Amino acid sequence: MLCGVTEPANPSPATGRRVAAFFDLDKTIIAKSSTLAFSRPFFQEGLINRRAVLKSAYAQFVFMLAGADADQMDRMRAHITSLCSGWDVEQVNAIVEETLHDIVDPLVYKEATQLITEHQEQGHDIVVLSASGEEVVAPISKLLGADHWSGTRMVVVDGRYTGDVDFYCSAENKAIAARELAEEHGYDLAECHAYSDSITDLPLLEAVGHPTVINPDRALRKEAVQRGWPSLAFDHPVSLRARIPTPSRAAVTAAGVGMGAVAAAGAAWWGLRAWRRRR
């Protein structure tokens, strides 16, 4: 599991153990699906087949933004990851480094950055957990000053994506990732916080003592009302570019894998097209 390294968080006064704030990424920290954000440039440039976009990935991502249950997300994951099977990881790396800021800027919620700062001032670790590809989650998490993160990981063999998923960081798996991090870093989950917009993250919210919903979908809003959980509305995206400098090549690796796999495929097509133009 990828994670950053920082000074230890302050312990909980009640238990003497450390405290973390777990954040979902899409529509919680950033204003839209990171995968959909990556899909826009290569769709506009004709980087993937229009029929494939309309029939599968693009249409399903739009549907996901309106809310999708775990089964629907699993079907999307299986379809999308198959699209990038065989693509060269190094080719994708270079394209993502060049386009990451253009794609995610401006997407980060001002309210999210303020909330992250508040937790940091209390000595809490910041942890980002996302169904998006870990290679996208990692650089964004670093830019936000997160201590640890986890995302979906795809299998790579001989430098190419196989289309198989090693770990899908969604639903119950996201709660598993939180529990593993708690065990590793000594977090007291009863004192920890979690933030998400999606009903698929209910297991994560249930795993901590202080769950809060942010821009919740209909099902999660209903659940939050029934359980008396706090609900926040974030609606002021600000520029990530203005907030933090562009990352180096070492900070940005392969493009969206897992739920971001279609972005990786599009980036690879983009790189091939650019190479052909230069010839």
Protein backbone atom coordinates (compact mmCIF):
# COMPACT_ATOMS: atom_id res chain seq x y z
CA MET A 1 0.00 0.00 0.00
CA LEU A 2 1.43 3.37 -0.99
CA CYS A 3 1.76 5.87 1.81
CA GLY A 4 3.58 9.05 2.66
CA VAL A 5 5.89 9.51 5.63
CA THR A 6 5.38 12.35 8.10
CA GLU A 7 5.70 13.00 11.80
CA PRO A 8 3.39 10.93 14.05
CA ALA A 9 -0.05 12.37 14.74
CA ASN A 10 -1.04 13.49 18.22
CA PRO A 11 -2.74 10.72 20.22
CA SER A 12 -6.40 10.80 21.23
CA PRO A 13 -6.73 12.19 24.78
CA ALA A 14 -9.27 9.46 25.55
CA THR A 15 -7.22 6.44 24.48
CA GLY A 16 -3.68 7.64 23.94
CA ARG A 17 -3.83 6.25 20.39
CA ARG A 18 -3.45 8.19 17.18
CA VAL A 19 -6.30 9.71 15.16
CA ALA A 20 -6.82 9.86 11.39
CA ALA A 21 -9.27 11.57 9.07
CA PHE A 22 -10.16 9.32 6.12
CA PHE A 23 -11.27 11.13 2.97
CA ASP A 24 -12.86 9.81 -0.19
CA LEU A 25 -11.50 11.66 -3.24
CA ASP A 26 -14.08 12.14 -6.00
CA LYS A 27 -16.86 14.61 -5.12
CA THR A 28 -15.48 14.81 -1.57
CA ILE A 29 -12.10 16.49 -2.03
CA ILE A 30 -12.35 17.21 -5.76
CA ALA A 31 -15.45 18.47 -7.51
CA LYS A 32 -16.06 15.60 -9.93
CA SER A 33 -15.03 12.09 -10.80
CA SER A 34 -11.28 12.13 -11.44
CA THR A 35 -11.84 9.45 -14.05
CA LEU A 36 -14.45 11.52 -15.87
CA ALA A 37 -12.09 14.50 -15.72
CA PHE A 38 -9.44 12.45 -17.49
CA SER A 39 -11.93 11.23 -20.07
CA ARG A 40 -12.76 14.71 -21.36
CA PRO A 41 -9.54 15.63 -23.18
CA PHE A 42 -9.09 12.37 -25.03
CA PHE A 43 -12.78 12.25 -25.94
CA GLN A 44 -12.67 15.79 -27.34
CA GLU A 45 -9.52 14.95 -29.30
CA GLY A 46 -11.03 11.78 -30.75
CA LEU A 47 -8.60 9.63 -28.79
CA ILE A 48 -11.03 6.76 -28.37
CA ASN A 49 -13.79 5.39 -30.53
CA ARG A 50 -17.03 7.41 -30.22
CA ARG A 51 -19.10 4.24 -30.22
CA ALA A 52 -17.06 2.81 -27.33
CA VAL A 53 -17.39 6.03 -25.34
CA LEU A 54 -21.11 6.40 -25.82
CA LYS A 55 -21.87 2.72 -25.39
CA SER A 56 -19.77 2.02 -22.33
CA ALA A 57 -17.24 4.04 -20.37
CA TYR A 58 -18.42 7.62 -20.85
CA ALA A 59 -22.11 6.85 -20.42
CA GLN A 60 -21.44 4.75 -17.33
CA PHE A 61 -19.25 7.42 -15.75
CA VAL A 62 -21.98 9.99 -16.19
CA PHE A 63 -24.38 7.53 -14.55
CA MET A 64 -21.93 7.02 -11.71
CA LEU A 65 -21.98 10.73 -10.97
CA ALA A 66 -25.70 10.42 -10.26
CA GLY A 67 -25.03 7.53 -7.91
CA ALA A 68 -24.30 3.85 -8.42
CA ASP A 69 -24.51 0.87 -6.13
CA ALA A 70 -21.69 -1.61 -5.51
CA ASP A 71 -22.81 -4.06 -8.20
CA GLN A 72 -22.99 -1.32 -10.82
CA MET A 73 -19.54 -0.03 -9.89
CA ASP A 74 -18.15 -3.57 -10.09
CA ARG A 75 -19.52 -3.94 -13.61
CA MET A 76 -18.04 -0.60 -14.60
CA ARG A 77 -14.69 -1.56 -13.12
CA ALA A 78 -14.58 -4.84 -15.05
CA HIS A 79 -15.46 -3.16 -18.34
CA ILE A 80 -13.16 -0.17 -17.94
CA THR A 81 -10.09 -2.07 -16.79
CA SER A 82 -10.37 -4.34 -19.83
CA LEU A 83 -10.00 -1.27 -22.08
CA CYS A 84 -6.42 -0.63 -20.98
CA SER A 85 -5.22 -4.24 -21.21
CA GLY A 86 -1.86 -4.31 -22.96
CA TRP A 87 -1.08 -0.59 -22.75
CA ASP A 88 2.52 0.33 -21.93
CA VAL A 89 2.86 1.81 -18.44
CA GLU A 90 5.88 4.00 -19.23
CA GLN A 91 4.10 5.60 -22.18
CA VAL A 92 1.22 6.45 -19.91
CA ASN A 93 3.57 7.88 -17.25
CA ALA A 94 4.89 10.62 -19.52
CA ILE A 95 1.45 11.72 -20.69
CA VAL A 96 0.01 11.93 -17.20
CA GLU A 97 2.93 14.01 -15.97
CA GLU A 98 2.25 16.53 -18.72
CA THR A 99 -1.53 16.67 -18.27
CA LEU A 100 -2.27 16.05 -14.59
CA HIS A 101 -2.58 19.69 -13.58
CA ASP A 102 -4.57 20.65 -16.67
CA ILE A 103 -7.02 17.85 -15.93
CA VAL A 104 -7.53 18.38 -12.20
CA ASP A 105 -7.28 22.18 -12.19
CA PRO A 106 -9.49 23.67 -10.87
CA LEU A 107 -11.22 20.78 -9.10
CA VAL A 108 -10.29 20.75 -5.43
CA TYR A 109 -12.94 22.05 -3.05
CA LYS A 110 -11.88 25.03 -0.95
CA GLU A 111 -13.95 23.62 1.92
CA ALA A 112 -12.06 20.31 1.70
CA THR A 113 -8.67 22.02 1.96
CA GLN A 114 -9.92 23.97 4.98
CA LEU A 115 -11.20 20.77 6.62
CA ILE A 116 -7.90 19.01 5.94
CA THR A 117 -6.05 21.94 7.53
CA GLU A 118 -8.29 21.81 10.61
CA HIS A 119 -7.52 18.13 11.11
CA GLN A 120 -3.80 18.73 10.63
CA GLU A 121 -3.89 21.49 13.24
CA GLN A 122 -5.37 18.95 15.67
CA GLY A 123 -2.50 16.58 14.92
CA HIS A 124 -4.62 14.12 12.93
CA ASP A 125 -3.20 12.12 10.03
CA ILE A 126 -4.85 12.72 6.65
CA VAL A 127 -5.66 9.57 4.66
CA VAL A 128 -7.14 9.52 1.14
CA LEU A 129 -9.00 6.36 0.08
CA SER A 130 -10.36 6.19 -3.47
CA ALA A 131 -11.69 3.74 -6.04
CA SER A 132 -9.68 5.68 -8.62
CA GLY A 133 -6.32 4.31 -9.67
CA GLU A 134 -3.63 4.49 -7.00
CA GLU A 135 -1.24 6.08 -9.49
CA VAL A 136 -3.63 9.01 -9.77
CA VAL A 137 -4.59 9.01 -6.09
CA ALA A 138 -0.96 9.14 -4.93
CA PRO A 139 0.17 12.38 -6.64
CA ILE A 140 -3.07 14.19 -5.80
CA SER A 141 -2.77 13.04 -2.17
CA LYS A 142 0.82 14.29 -1.99
CA LEU A 143 -0.22 17.67 -3.35
CA LEU A 144 -2.89 17.89 -0.66
CA GLY A 145 -0.41 17.05 2.09
CA ALA A 146 -1.97 13.68 2.97
CA ASP A 147 0.02 11.31 5.15
CA HIS A 148 -1.22 8.06 3.60
CA TRP A 149 -3.41 6.94 0.73
CA SER A 150 -4.77 3.91 -1.05
CA GLY A 151 -6.48 3.44 -4.41
CA THR A 152 -7.32 0.70 -6.86
CA ARG A 153 -4.27 -1.22 -8.06
CA MET A 154 -4.05 -2.99 -11.40
CA VAL A 155 -1.77 -5.89 -12.24
CA VAL A 156 1.27 -5.00 -14.37
CA VAL A 157 3.33 -7.66 -16.14
CA ASP A 158 6.41 -6.82 -18.22
CA GLY A 159 5.57 -3.13 -18.02
CA ARG A 160 2.03 -3.48 -19.35
CA TYR A 161 -1.42 -3.51 -17.77
CA THR A 162 -2.97 -6.96 -17.89
CA GLY A 163 -6.54 -5.74 -17.40
CA ASP A 164 -6.72 -7.57 -14.05
CA VAL A 165 -7.26 -5.83 -10.72
CA ASP A 166 -5.02 -6.57 -7.74
CA PHE A 167 -7.02 -4.51 -5.22
CA TYR A 168 -10.28 -2.63 -5.82
CA CYS A 169 -10.47 0.16 -3.25
CA SER A 170 -14.25 0.49 -3.04
CA ALA A 171 -17.15 -0.46 -0.75
CA GLU A 172 -16.05 -2.99 1.90
CA ASN A 173 -12.49 -2.98 0.55
CA LYS A 174 -12.20 0.69 1.43
CA ALA A 175 -13.10 -0.13 5.03
CA ILE A 176 -10.56 -2.95 4.95
CA ALA A 177 -7.90 -0.49 3.80
CA ALA A 178 -8.82 1.83 6.67
CA ARG A 179 -8.58 -0.99 9.21
CA GLU A 180 -5.22 -2.11 7.82
CA LEU A 181 -3.87 1.43 8.08
CA ALA A 182 -5.26 1.70 11.62
CA GLU A 183 -3.45 -1.47 12.60
CA GLU A 184 -0.24 -0.35 10.92
CA HIS A 185 -0.16 3.17 12.33
CA GLY A 186 -1.97 2.73 15.64
CA TYR A 187 -5.15 4.67 14.86
CA ASP A 188 -8.07 4.42 17.25
CA LEU A 189 -10.94 3.99 14.77
CA ALA A 190 -13.47 4.96 17.45
CA GLU A 191 -11.81 8.40 17.52
CA CYS A 192 -11.19 8.65 13.77
CA HIS A 193 -13.19 10.63 11.20
CA ALA A 194 -14.37 9.65 7.72
CA TYR A 195 -15.83 11.72 4.88
CA SER A 196 -17.58 10.57 1.70
CA ASP A 197 -20.32 11.41 -0.78
CA SER A 198 -21.32 7.88 -1.84
CA ILE A 199 -23.48 5.11 -0.41
CA THR A 200 -20.82 2.66 -1.59
CA ASP A 201 -18.59 4.05 1.17
CA LEU A 202 -21.06 3.15 3.92
CA PRO A 203 -18.68 0.44 5.29
CA LEU A 204 -15.94 3.06 5.68
CA LEU A 205 -18.26 5.49 7.43
CA GLU A 206 -19.47 2.73 9.75
CA ALA A 207 -15.87 1.79 10.63
CA VAL A 208 -15.09 5.08 12.40
CA GLY A 209 -16.49 6.89 15.40
CA HIS A 210 -17.03 10.20 13.59
CA PRO A 211 -18.57 9.77 10.11
CA THR A 212 -19.62 12.80 8.06
CA VAL A 213 -21.24 12.86 4.62
CA ILE A 214 -20.24 15.47 2.04
CA ASN A 215 -22.41 16.25 -0.98
CA PRO A 216 -24.14 12.91 -0.38
CA ASP A 217 -25.98 10.98 -3.07
CA ARG A 218 -29.66 10.26 -2.42
CA ALA A 219 -29.13 6.90 -0.72
CA LEU A 220 -26.35 8.18 1.55
CA ARG A 221 -28.33 11.29 2.43
CA LYS A 222 -31.20 9.10 3.60
CA GLU A 223 -28.82 6.92 5.61
CA ALA A 224 -27.20 9.96 7.23
CA VAL A 225 -30.57 11.38 8.29
CA GLN A 226 -31.61 8.07 9.83
CA ARG A 227 -28.33 7.73 11.73
CA GLY A 228 -27.99 11.38 12.71
CA TRP A 229 -24.68 11.83 10.91
CA PRO A 230 -23.50 15.36 10.06
CA SER A 231 -23.83 16.45 6.43
CA LEU A 232 -21.71 19.10 4.71
CA ALA A 233 -22.13 20.83 1.35
CA PHE A 234 -18.94 21.66 -0.57
CA ASP A 235 -19.46 23.88 -3.62
CA HIS A 236 -16.43 26.14 -4.07
CA PRO A 237 -13.75 24.51 -6.27
CA VAL A 238 -10.40 26.32 -6.28
CA SER A 239 -7.29 25.98 -8.40
CA LEU A 240 -4.96 23.17 -7.38
CA ARG A 241 -2.35 24.75 -9.69
CA ALA A 242 -2.47 27.98 -7.70
CA ARG A 243 -2.33 26.08 -4.41
CA ILE A 244 0.69 23.83 -5.07
CA PRO A 245 3.45 23.70 -7.74
CA THR A 246 3.46 21.19 -10.58
CA PRO A 247 4.84 17.81 -9.41
CA SER A 248 8.04 16.29 -10.73
CA ARG A 249 8.18 13.18 -12.92
CA ALA A 250 8.96 11.09 -9.83
CA ALA A 251 5.80 12.31 -8.13
CA VAL A 252 3.49 11.26 -10.95
CA THR A 253 3.41 7.71 -12.25
CA ALA A 254 0.95 5.72 -14.35
CA ALA A 255 -2.40 7.26 -15.19
CA GLY A 256 -5.82 6.22 -13.97
CA VAL A 257 -5.86 2.52 -13.29
CA GLY A 258 -8.64 0.56 -11.67
CA MET A 259 -11.53 2.98 -11.93
CA GLY A 260 -9.10 5.28 -13.80
CA ALA A 261 -8.13 2.65 -16.34
CA VAL A 262 -9.98 4.22 -19.22
CA ALA A 263 -7.97 7.37 -18.62
CA ALA A 264 -4.79 5.35 -18.98
CA ALA A 265 -5.99 3.91 -22.26
CA GLY A 266 -6.88 7.34 -23.58
CA ALA A 267 -3.53 8.79 -22.53
CA ALA A 268 -1.71 5.99 -24.31
CA TRP A 269 -3.68 6.66 -27.49
CA TRP A 270 -2.85 10.33 -27.11
CA GLY A 271 0.87 9.61 -26.83
CA LEU A 272 0.79 7.36 -29.90
CA ARG A 273 -1.05 9.99 -31.89
CA ALA A 274 1.42 12.70 -30.88
CA TRP A 275 4.34 10.43 -31.84
CA ARG A 276 2.85 9.85 -35.27
CA ARG A 277 2.36 13.58 -35.79
CA ARG A 278 6.03 14.21 -35.07
CA ARG A 279 7.16 11.70 -37.68
